[in-house]
Amino acid sequence: MRQIHRLHKKNHNRIQITTVCRKIGIMSMCTILALSASGCGKKNQILTLTNVSYDPTREFYEEYNQLFAKQYEETHGEPIRVIQSHGGSGAQARSVVEGSNADVVTLALEHDISLIEHTGLIESGWVDEFDKDSAPYTSTIVFLVRKGNPKNIRDWNDLIQDNVDVITPDPKSSGGACWNYLAALSYAQEQYHDASKEQDFLKKLYENVSVMDSGARGSTTTFVENGKGDVLVAWENEAITTMQSYPGMYEMITPSVSILAQPSVAIVDDNVGMNHTQDAAKEYLTYLYSTDAQKLAAQFGYRPTDEAVLQEYANVFDLHVKLTTIDDFGGWDNAYAVYFDDGALFDKMYNE
């Protein structure tokens, strides 16, 4: 197998923090962290929430936090500040387990939140706390290629050709990468109906991966800013955002078969109890389902779960692509046991 470089940054659990605040002066990072740790804090402190999220949501939540803060202040007559943290979804989940003071998590997949639940920080039943299995927006997996599509990539089978250089993140640290793997497997299952041939297809695909970053945004940086690879296997929203940021330089290819990717959200019950932010955290996640927030999600390339809003943006998304779901793989616990846990099929394939 062609050597794959895993680009894991040192101290990958260290949280990158971006503040999105309104009507406040410049403050030091230490002050921001102190506010995050104290929640409501003293009487005169501004109410603060911390959202620990995954890589590609960065720009969306920068805008959403301002939208929510405006609505919250109009409703309650007091300001609120939201702190953002972004990284590979699996790494972000581990950071919460290891002590990151998240009030809410908005991660790439249900399994990452379940890992936090198993520590007792999140109460069982969280997946039913909000509509649509606590997934306020969805996405799918597509290909991003350079303008003109020089390698003529149209579907998954084109990614196993000898002259194609593929960029995709590492399923051991990235939730998006798990979706990528299962989307490719969905295609292989439809084509071959034979487990051995399906694994051969995936092996050939990953033999063509030249750079395997720890997170989806890192892979986008490798492809776009560093100019590596012929095709990026990416979240649909990440591909749309890239094309908007670099007009005329990239094209998005939707394969014949993909998967319905459902990023999940949850309140970190133990933390909001200490921070006295339970009500604000619930409002923050509930507001993701509002019409304004759903339209904002669509503008950043996420598929709204509000059907009326989705149809309003039907020109943005390919609504006819065949999509499998995580249920087709027995749910996330089974998918991890079979494909992603240490020693499972991905490790066996990668180590050959």
Protein backbone atom coordinates (compact mmCIF):
# COMPACT_ATOMS: atom_id res chain seq x y z
CA MET A 1 0.00 0.00 0.00
CA ARG A 2 1.23 3.45 -0.83
CA GLN A 3 2.49 5.15 2.32
CA ILE A 4 -0.14 7.32 3.94
CA HIS A 5 1.01 10.30 5.99
CA ARG A 6 -1.14 10.92 9.02
CA LEU A 7 -0.75 14.55 9.94
CA HIS A 8 -1.73 14.63 13.60
CA LYS A 9 -0.75 17.87 15.27
CA LYS A 10 0.96 17.76 18.61
CA ASN A 11 -1.43 18.00 21.50
CA HIS A 12 -4.36 17.41 19.17
CA ASN A 13 -6.70 17.56 22.12
CA ARG A 14 -5.78 21.16 22.77
CA ILE A 15 -8.84 23.21 21.97
CA GLN A 16 -8.64 25.99 19.42
CA ILE A 17 -10.94 28.69 20.70
CA THR A 18 -12.66 31.38 18.70
CA THR A 19 -14.79 33.97 20.44
CA VAL A 20 -17.90 35.25 18.82
CA CYS A 21 -19.20 38.08 20.93
CA ARG A 22 -21.21 41.22 20.57
CA LYS A 23 -20.63 44.67 22.06
CA ILE A 24 -17.59 43.66 24.10
CA GLY A 25 -14.07 44.99 24.09
CA ILE A 26 -10.91 43.06 23.42
CA MET A 27 -10.11 40.65 26.23
CA SER A 28 -7.27 38.25 26.81
CA MET A 29 -7.63 34.54 26.15
CA CYS A 30 -7.16 33.91 29.83
CA THR A 31 -10.19 36.06 30.60
CA ILE A 32 -12.26 34.23 28.00
CA LEU A 33 -11.29 30.85 29.40
CA ALA A 34 -12.11 32.02 32.90
CA LEU A 35 -15.56 33.13 31.77
CA SER A 36 -16.11 29.79 30.08
CA ALA A 37 -15.14 27.90 33.21
CA SER A 38 -17.41 29.94 35.44
CA GLY A 39 -20.62 29.87 33.36
CA CYS A 40 -22.95 32.55 34.69
CA GLY A 41 -20.37 33.48 37.26
CA LYS A 42 -20.73 36.67 39.24
CA LYS A 43 -23.74 38.91 39.01
CA ASN A 44 -22.19 41.38 36.58
CA GLN A 45 -20.63 38.82 34.27
CA ILE A 46 -22.09 38.20 30.83
CA LEU A 47 -23.71 34.79 30.49
CA THR A 48 -21.32 32.56 28.54
CA LEU A 49 -21.83 29.30 26.66
CA THR A 50 -19.12 27.08 25.21
CA ASN A 51 -19.88 25.09 22.06
CA VAL A 52 -17.39 22.29 21.33
CA SER A 53 -17.86 21.40 17.67
CA TYR A 54 -16.10 19.71 14.77
CA ASP A 55 -13.99 21.22 12.00
CA PRO A 56 -16.29 22.26 9.12
CA THR A 57 -18.90 24.03 11.28
CA ARG A 58 -16.55 26.89 12.11
CA GLU A 59 -17.96 29.50 9.74
CA PHE A 60 -21.57 28.47 10.26
CA TYR A 61 -21.39 28.84 14.03
CA GLU A 62 -19.59 32.18 13.78
CA GLU A 63 -22.72 33.49 12.05
CA TYR A 64 -25.20 31.45 14.05
CA ASN A 65 -23.80 32.62 17.38
CA GLN A 66 -24.42 36.22 16.40
CA LEU A 67 -27.94 35.37 15.24
CA PHE A 68 -28.68 33.54 18.48
CA ALA A 69 -27.14 36.25 20.66
CA LYS A 70 -29.36 38.87 19.02
CA GLN A 71 -32.47 36.75 19.54
CA TYR A 72 -31.50 35.91 23.13
CA GLU A 73 -30.92 39.54 24.09
CA GLU A 74 -34.21 40.61 22.50
CA THR A 75 -36.04 37.85 24.41
CA HIS A 76 -34.33 38.11 27.81
CA GLY A 77 -33.07 41.69 27.88
CA GLU A 78 -29.50 40.61 28.61
CA PRO A 79 -26.52 39.69 26.43
CA ILE A 80 -24.98 36.27 25.96
CA ARG A 81 -21.55 35.30 24.70
CA VAL A 82 -20.70 32.06 22.89
CA ILE A 83 -17.22 30.54 22.76
CA GLN A 84 -16.42 28.15 19.89
CA SER A 85 -14.00 25.24 19.75
CA HIS A 86 -13.26 23.21 16.61
CA GLY A 87 -11.23 20.14 15.69
CA GLY A 88 -11.62 16.55 14.55
CA SER A 89 -14.92 15.29 15.97
CA GLY A 90 -13.44 12.30 17.76
CA ALA A 91 -10.68 14.43 19.25
CA GLN A 92 -13.24 17.02 20.36
CA ALA A 93 -15.30 14.35 22.11
CA ARG A 94 -12.19 13.18 23.95
CA SER A 95 -11.41 16.75 24.97
CA VAL A 96 -14.80 17.00 26.68
CA VAL A 97 -14.24 13.68 28.43
CA GLU A 98 -10.85 14.97 29.58
CA GLY A 99 -12.24 18.17 31.07
CA SER A 100 -13.13 20.73 28.39
CA ASN A 101 -15.94 22.78 29.94
CA ALA A 102 -18.42 22.45 27.07
CA ASP A 103 -22.01 23.49 27.70
CA VAL A 104 -23.08 21.97 24.40
CA VAL A 105 -21.48 19.71 21.83
CA THR A 106 -22.29 19.84 18.11
CA LEU A 107 -20.31 16.94 16.70
CA ALA A 108 -20.04 15.04 13.43
CA LEU A 109 -21.85 11.90 14.47
CA GLU A 110 -23.94 10.34 17.21
CA HIS A 111 -21.18 7.95 18.28
CA ASP A 112 -18.88 10.79 19.39
CA ILE A 113 -21.58 12.14 21.71
CA SER A 114 -22.28 8.63 22.98
CA LEU A 115 -18.64 8.43 24.08
CA ILE A 116 -19.26 11.44 26.32
CA GLU A 117 -22.55 9.96 27.51
CA HIS A 118 -20.75 6.82 28.68
CA THR A 119 -18.70 8.92 31.14
CA GLY A 120 -21.87 10.29 32.74
CA LEU A 121 -21.35 13.86 31.53
CA ILE A 122 -24.37 13.60 29.23
CA GLU A 123 -27.56 11.92 30.39
CA SER A 124 -28.96 8.95 28.50
CA GLY A 125 -31.78 9.73 26.11
CA TRP A 126 -30.05 12.83 24.75
CA VAL A 127 -30.72 11.72 21.15
CA ASP A 128 -34.45 12.23 21.74
CA GLU A 129 -34.13 15.63 23.45
CA PHE A 130 -34.33 17.57 20.17
CA ASP A 131 -36.15 16.95 16.90
CA LYS A 132 -34.87 14.66 14.13
CA ASP A 133 -32.78 12.54 16.51
CA SER A 134 -31.03 15.70 17.73
CA ALA A 135 -29.66 16.35 14.24
CA PRO A 136 -30.87 19.85 13.23
CA TYR A 137 -29.12 19.74 9.84
CA THR A 138 -27.62 17.00 7.68
CA SER A 139 -25.05 16.63 4.94
CA THR A 140 -23.69 13.93 2.65
CA ILE A 141 -20.34 12.95 1.14
CA VAL A 142 -19.21 14.31 -2.23
CA PHE A 143 -16.03 14.87 -4.25
CA LEU A 144 -14.29 18.21 -4.70
CA VAL A 145 -12.10 18.44 -7.80
CA ARG A 146 -10.15 21.21 -9.46
CA LYS A 147 -11.77 23.28 -12.21
CA GLY A 148 -12.21 21.29 -15.40
CA ASN A 149 -12.04 17.98 -13.50
CA PRO A 150 -8.74 16.99 -15.18
CA LYS A 151 -8.95 13.34 -14.03
CA ASN A 152 -12.59 13.07 -15.19
CA ILE A 153 -13.82 11.84 -11.81
CA ARG A 154 -17.53 11.02 -11.83
CA ASP A 155 -18.07 8.25 -9.29
CA TRP A 156 -16.38 6.15 -6.61
CA ASN A 157 -14.87 3.71 -9.10
CA ASP A 158 -12.80 6.56 -10.58
CA LEU A 159 -11.03 6.98 -7.23
CA ILE A 160 -9.32 3.58 -7.47
CA GLN A 161 -7.56 4.34 -10.77
CA ASP A 162 -3.77 4.23 -10.64
CA ASN A 163 -3.25 7.89 -11.53
CA VAL A 164 -5.71 9.39 -9.01
CA ASP A 165 -4.42 10.98 -5.80
CA VAL A 166 -7.10 11.04 -3.08
CA ILE A 167 -7.30 13.25 0.01
CA THR A 168 -9.50 12.15 2.94
CA PRO A 169 -9.08 12.40 6.73
CA ASP A 170 -8.39 9.60 9.20
CA PRO A 171 -11.39 7.65 10.58
CA LYS A 172 -9.50 7.10 13.83
CA SER A 173 -9.83 10.80 14.72
CA SER A 174 -12.34 12.33 12.31
CA GLY A 175 -16.09 11.77 12.32
CA GLY A 176 -16.28 13.04 8.75
CA ALA A 177 -13.77 10.39 7.72
CA CYS A 178 -16.05 7.68 9.13
CA TRP A 179 -18.87 9.02 6.98
CA ASN A 180 -16.48 9.02 3.98
CA TYR A 181 -15.57 5.37 4.55
CA LEU A 182 -19.20 4.29 4.91
CA ALA A 183 -20.24 6.27 1.82
CA ALA A 184 -17.55 4.46 -0.22
CA LEU A 185 -18.64 1.15 1.30
CA SER A 186 -22.26 1.91 0.34
CA TYR A 187 -21.16 2.17 -3.29
CA ALA A 188 -19.09 -1.01 -3.07
CA GLN A 189 -21.97 -2.96 -1.56
CA GLU A 190 -24.27 -1.90 -4.36
CA GLN A 191 -21.70 -2.86 -7.00
CA TYR A 192 -20.33 -6.16 -5.70
CA HIS A 193 -22.68 -7.80 -3.17
CA ASP A 194 -19.65 -9.66 -1.88
CA ALA A 195 -17.80 -8.73 1.33
CA SER A 196 -14.38 -9.74 0.01
CA LYS A 197 -14.74 -7.67 -3.18
CA GLU A 198 -16.08 -4.74 -1.16
CA GLN A 199 -12.99 -4.75 1.05
CA ASP A 200 -10.74 -5.05 -2.00
CA PHE A 201 -12.40 -1.94 -3.41
CA LEU A 202 -11.86 -0.02 -0.18
CA LYS A 203 -8.24 -1.20 -0.01
CA LYS A 204 -7.59 0.12 -3.52
CA LEU A 205 -9.26 3.39 -2.62
CA TYR A 206 -7.15 3.93 0.49
CA GLU A 207 -4.00 2.89 -1.36
CA ASN A 208 -4.62 6.04 -3.42
CA VAL A 209 -4.83 8.27 -0.33
CA SER A 210 -1.61 10.25 -0.12
CA VAL A 211 -2.38 12.50 2.86
CA MET A 212 -4.63 11.48 5.75
CA ASP A 213 -5.18 14.43 8.07
CA SER A 214 -6.69 14.17 11.55
CA GLY A 215 -9.78 16.21 10.64
CA ALA A 216 -11.98 17.20 7.71
CA ARG A 217 -10.85 20.84 7.71
CA GLY A 218 -7.22 19.72 7.71
CA SER A 219 -7.91 17.68 4.57
CA THR A 220 -9.54 20.69 2.92
CA THR A 221 -6.46 22.75 3.75
CA THR A 222 -4.22 20.05 2.27
CA PHE A 223 -6.23 19.98 -0.96
CA VAL A 224 -7.01 23.67 -1.37
CA GLU A 225 -4.19 25.64 0.24
CA ASN A 226 -1.36 23.13 -0.17
CA GLY A 227 -2.45 21.98 -3.63
CA LYS A 228 -2.17 18.27 -2.87
CA GLY A 229 -4.27 15.58 -4.51
CA ASP A 230 -6.64 15.24 -7.46
CA VAL A 231 -9.83 14.79 -5.45
CA LEU A 232 -11.00 15.60 -1.94
CA VAL A 233 -13.59 13.28 -0.39
CA ALA A 234 -15.54 15.79 1.67
CA TRP A 235 -18.68 16.84 3.45
CA GLU A 236 -21.08 18.39 0.93
CA ASN A 237 -21.20 21.57 3.03
CA GLU A 238 -17.40 21.79 3.05
CA ALA A 239 -17.28 21.45 -0.72
CA ILE A 240 -19.96 24.13 -1.16
CA THR A 241 -18.17 26.50 1.21
CA THR A 242 -14.87 25.97 -0.64
CA MET A 243 -16.44 26.77 -4.00
CA GLN A 244 -17.99 29.91 -2.54
CA SER A 245 -14.62 30.98 -1.09
CA TYR A 246 -12.67 30.22 -4.29
CA PRO A 247 -15.10 31.01 -7.13
CA GLY A 248 -14.29 29.34 -10.44
CA MET A 249 -11.46 27.20 -9.04
CA TYR A 250 -13.23 23.99 -7.96
CA GLU A 251 -16.14 21.75 -8.93
CA MET A 252 -18.31 19.49 -6.79
CA ILE A 253 -19.10 15.99 -8.02
CA THR A 254 -21.98 14.11 -6.37
CA PRO A 255 -21.44 10.34 -6.67
CA SER A 256 -24.21 7.93 -7.61
CA VAL A 257 -24.37 6.56 -4.07
CA SER A 258 -23.54 8.33 -0.81
CA ILE A 259 -24.77 8.39 2.79
CA LEU A 260 -27.03 10.64 4.84
CA ALA A 261 -24.58 12.21 7.27
CA GLN A 262 -26.29 13.35 10.48
CA PRO A 263 -24.23 15.61 12.75
CA SER A 264 -25.62 15.45 16.30
CA VAL A 265 -26.05 18.01 19.07
CA ALA A 266 -26.43 17.61 22.83
CA ILE A 267 -26.32 19.46 26.13
CA VAL A 268 -23.43 18.44 28.38
CA ASP A 269 -25.65 17.98 31.43
CA ASP A 270 -22.95 17.74 34.07
CA ASN A 271 -21.24 20.93 32.90
CA VAL A 272 -24.37 23.06 32.54
CA GLY A 273 -25.33 22.02 36.05
CA MET A 274 -22.08 23.44 37.40
CA ASN A 275 -22.18 26.47 35.10
CA HIS A 276 -25.87 27.25 35.72
CA THR A 277 -26.40 27.42 31.97
CA GLN A 278 -29.00 24.68 31.47
CA ASP A 279 -31.78 26.94 30.15
CA ALA A 280 -29.51 28.96 27.88
CA ALA A 281 -27.91 25.79 26.47
CA LYS A 282 -31.32 24.34 25.67
CA GLU A 283 -32.39 27.56 23.95
CA TYR A 284 -29.13 27.59 21.97
CA LEU A 285 -29.72 24.13 20.50
CA THR A 286 -33.48 24.56 20.09
CA TYR A 287 -32.95 27.73 18.06
CA LEU A 288 -31.02 25.69 15.48
CA TYR A 289 -34.44 24.44 14.33
CA SER A 290 -35.86 27.92 13.80
CA THR A 291 -36.56 29.06 10.25
CA ASP A 292 -33.84 31.72 10.38
CA ALA A 293 -31.23 29.23 11.60
CA GLN A 294 -32.31 26.59 9.07
CA LYS A 295 -31.90 29.11 6.25
CA LEU A 296 -28.49 30.07 7.60
CA ALA A 297 -27.47 26.41 7.66
CA ALA A 298 -28.51 26.07 4.02
CA GLN A 299 -26.43 29.12 3.11
CA PHE A 300 -23.41 27.34 4.55
CA GLY A 301 -24.14 24.16 2.62
CA TYR A 302 -25.92 22.11 5.30
CA ARG A 303 -29.17 20.39 4.38
CA PRO A 304 -31.97 21.82 6.55
CA THR A 305 -34.17 19.30 8.34
CA ASP A 306 -37.08 21.70 7.84
CA GLU A 307 -38.52 20.31 4.61
CA ALA A 308 -39.96 23.66 3.51
CA VAL A 309 -36.57 25.37 3.87
CA LEU A 310 -34.81 22.46 2.14
CA GLN A 311 -37.10 22.82 -0.87
CA GLU A 312 -36.45 26.56 -0.91
CA TYR A 313 -32.74 25.74 -1.39
CA ALA A 314 -33.29 22.75 -3.69
CA ASN A 315 -31.06 24.34 -6.33
CA VAL A 316 -28.10 24.08 -3.92
CA PHE A 317 -28.38 20.35 -3.16
CA ASP A 318 -28.70 17.21 -5.26
CA LEU A 319 -31.85 15.79 -3.70
CA HIS A 320 -31.93 12.76 -6.03
CA VAL A 321 -28.69 11.05 -5.01
CA LYS A 322 -29.20 7.61 -3.48
CA LEU A 323 -28.38 7.85 0.22
CA THR A 324 -27.81 5.01 2.65
CA THR A 325 -28.08 5.69 6.39
CA ILE A 326 -26.16 4.61 9.44
CA ASP A 327 -29.03 2.19 10.18
CA ASP A 328 -27.96 0.25 7.07
CA PHE A 329 -24.76 -0.54 8.98
CA GLY A 330 -26.49 -1.56 12.20
CA GLY A 331 -26.11 1.81 13.93
CA TRP A 332 -22.93 3.47 15.16
CA ASP A 333 -22.05 0.96 17.87
CA ASN A 334 -22.06 -1.85 15.34
CA ALA A 335 -20.29 0.24 12.68
CA TYR A 336 -17.47 1.06 15.08
CA ALA A 337 -17.14 -2.55 16.23
CA VAL A 338 -16.93 -3.80 12.64
CA TYR A 339 -14.99 -1.01 10.92
CA PHE A 340 -13.36 1.59 13.17
CA ASP A 341 -12.44 0.20 16.58
CA ASP A 342 -8.81 -0.80 17.16
CA GLY A 343 -8.17 -4.00 15.23
CA ALA A 344 -11.39 -3.71 13.18
CA LEU A 345 -11.58 -3.79 9.37
CA PHE A 346 -10.13 -0.33 8.75
CA ASP A 347 -7.04 -1.10 10.84
CA LYS A 348 -6.59 -4.47 9.15
CA MET A 349 -6.85 -2.91 5.72
CA TYR A 350 -4.58 0.01 6.60
CA ASN A 351 -1.90 -2.21 8.15
CA GLU A 352 -1.63 -4.58 5.20
